[in-house]
Amino acid sequence: MVTKNQKHVNTNPESEPNLKGTLISVSILGAILLVTWIGALMLFLLR
Protein backbone atom coordinates (compact mmCIF):
# COMPACT_ATOMS: atom_id res chain seq x y z
CA MET A 1 0.00 0.00 0.00
CA VAL A 2 1.33 3.43 -0.95
CA THR A 3 0.74 6.24 1.51
CA LYS A 4 0.52 9.96 0.69
CA ASN A 5 4.19 10.60 1.47
CA GLN A 6 5.53 7.72 -0.62
CA LYS A 7 6.05 8.00 -4.35
CA HIS A 8 5.76 5.13 -6.75
CA VAL A 9 9.24 4.38 -8.14
CA ASN A 10 9.32 2.70 -11.53
CA THR A 11 11.98 0.02 -11.31
CA ASN A 12 11.48 -1.30 -14.86
CA PRO A 13 13.47 0.90 -17.29
CA GLU A 14 11.90 -0.83 -20.31
CA SER A 15 8.53 0.79 -19.61
CA GLU A 16 9.97 4.29 -20.12
CA PRO A 17 9.09 5.78 -23.51
CA ASN A 18 11.85 6.18 -26.09
CA LEU A 19 12.27 9.93 -26.63
CA LYS A 20 15.05 9.80 -29.23
CA GLY A 21 12.59 10.51 -32.07
CA THR A 22 11.13 13.43 -30.13
CA LEU A 23 14.58 14.93 -29.58
CA ILE A 24 15.43 14.63 -33.28
CA SER A 25 12.09 16.15 -34.35
CA VAL A 26 12.40 19.09 -31.98
CA SER A 27 16.02 19.65 -33.03
CA ILE A 28 15.04 19.73 -36.72
CA LEU A 29 12.19 22.14 -35.98
CA GLY A 30 14.55 24.37 -33.96
CA ALA A 31 17.08 24.37 -36.80
CA ILE A 32 14.40 25.38 -39.31
CA LEU A 33 13.25 28.22 -37.06
CA LEU A 34 16.84 29.37 -36.52
CA VAL A 35 17.59 29.39 -40.25
CA THR A 36 14.36 31.31 -40.89
CA TRP A 37 15.22 33.96 -38.29
CA ILE A 38 18.79 34.32 -39.56
CA GLY A 39 17.49 34.63 -43.11
CA ALA A 40 15.02 37.34 -42.12
CA LEU A 41 17.74 39.19 -40.17
CA MET A 42 20.14 39.08 -43.12
CA LEU A 43 17.39 40.26 -45.47
CA PHE A 44 16.66 43.15 -43.10
CA LEU A 45 20.32 44.12 -42.71
CA LEU A 46 21.16 43.94 -46.41
CA ARG A 47 18.31 46.20 -47.53
C-alpha atoms as a PDB file:
ATOM      1  CA  MET A   1       0.000   0.000   0.000  1.00  0.00           C
ATOM      2  CA  VAL A   2       1.330   3.426  -0.949  1.00  0.00           C
ATOM      3  CA  THR A   3       0.742   6.242   1.508  1.00  0.00           C
ATOM      4  CA  LYS A   4       0.519   9.959   0.688  1.00  0.00           C
ATOM      5  CA  ASN A   5       4.185  10.595   1.471  1.00  0.00           C
ATOM      6  CA  GLN A   6       5.535   7.718  -0.616  1.00  0.00           C
ATOM      7  CA  LYS A   7       6.046   8.005  -4.347  1.00  0.00           C
ATOM      8  CA  HIS A   8       5.758   5.127  -6.754  1.00  0.00           C
ATOM      9  CA  VAL A   9       9.235   4.380  -8.140  1.00  0.00           C
ATOM     10  CA  ASN A  10       9.321   2.703 -11.528  1.00  0.00           C
ATOM     11  CA  THR A  11      11.983   0.017 -11.313  1.00  0.00           C
ATOM     12  CA  ASN A  12      11.479  -1.301 -14.861  1.00  0.00           C
ATOM     13  CA  PRO A  13      13.469   0.895 -17.286  1.00  0.00           C
ATOM     14  CA  GLU A  14      11.899  -0.831 -20.312  1.00  0.00           C
ATOM     15  CA  SER A  15       8.527   0.786 -19.605  1.00  0.00           C
ATOM     16  CA  GLU A  16       9.971   4.285 -20.119  1.00  0.00           C
ATOM     17  CA  PRO A  17       9.091   5.784 -23.512  1.00  0.00           C
ATOM     18  CA  ASN A  18      11.850   6.184 -26.093  1.00  0.00           C
ATOM     19  CA  LEU A  19      12.272   9.933 -26.626  1.00  0.00           C
ATOM     20  CA  LYS A  20      15.052   9.796 -29.235  1.00  0.00           C
ATOM     21  CA  GLY A  21      12.588  10.512 -32.070  1.00  0.00           C
ATOM     22  CA  THR A  22      11.134  13.428 -30.134  1.00  0.00           C
ATOM     23  CA  LEU A  23      14.581  14.928 -29.584  1.00  0.00           C
ATOM     24  CA  ILE A  24      15.428  14.632 -33.278  1.00  0.00           C
ATOM     25  CA  SER A  25      12.090  16.147 -34.353  1.00  0.00           C
ATOM     26  CA  VAL A  26      12.402  19.094 -31.979  1.00  0.00           C
ATOM     27  CA  SER A  27      16.024  19.650 -33.033  1.00  0.00           C
ATOM     28  CA  ILE A  28      15.040  19.732 -36.718  1.00  0.00           C
ATOM     29  CA  LEU A  29      12.188  22.136 -35.979  1.00  0.00           C
ATOM     30  CA  GLY A  30      14.546  24.369 -33.964  1.00  0.00           C
ATOM     31  CA  ALA A  31      17.081  24.370 -36.796  1.00  0.00           C
ATOM     32  CA  ILE A  32      14.396  25.377 -39.309  1.00  0.00           C
ATOM     33  CA  LEU A  33      13.255  28.220 -37.057  1.00  0.00           C
ATOM     34  CA  LEU A  34      16.843  29.371 -36.518  1.00  0.00           C
ATOM     35  CA  VAL A  35      17.591  29.387 -40.255  1.00  0.00           C
ATOM     36  CA  THR A  36      14.359  31.310 -40.890  1.00  0.00           C
ATOM     37  CA  TRP A  37      15.218  33.960 -38.286  1.00  0.00           C
ATOM     38  CA  ILE A  38      18.790  34.323 -39.561  1.00  0.00           C
ATOM     39  CA  GLY A  39      17.494  34.634 -43.114  1.00  0.00           C
ATOM     40  CA  ALA A  40      15.021  37.337 -42.118  1.00  0.00           C
ATOM     41  CA  LEU A  41      17.739  39.194 -40.174  1.00  0.00           C
ATOM     42  CA  MET A  42      20.139  39.077 -43.121  1.00  0.00           C
ATOM     43  CA  LEU A  43      17.394  40.257 -45.469  1.00  0.00           C
ATOM     44  CA  PHE A  44      16.663  43.154 -43.104  1.00  0.00           C
ATOM     45  CA  LEU A  45      20.324  44.116 -42.714  1.00  0.00           C
ATOM     46  CA  LEU A  46      21.161  43.940 -46.415  1.00  0.00           C
ATOM     47  CA  ARG A  47      18.313  46.203 -47.527  1.00  0.00           C
END
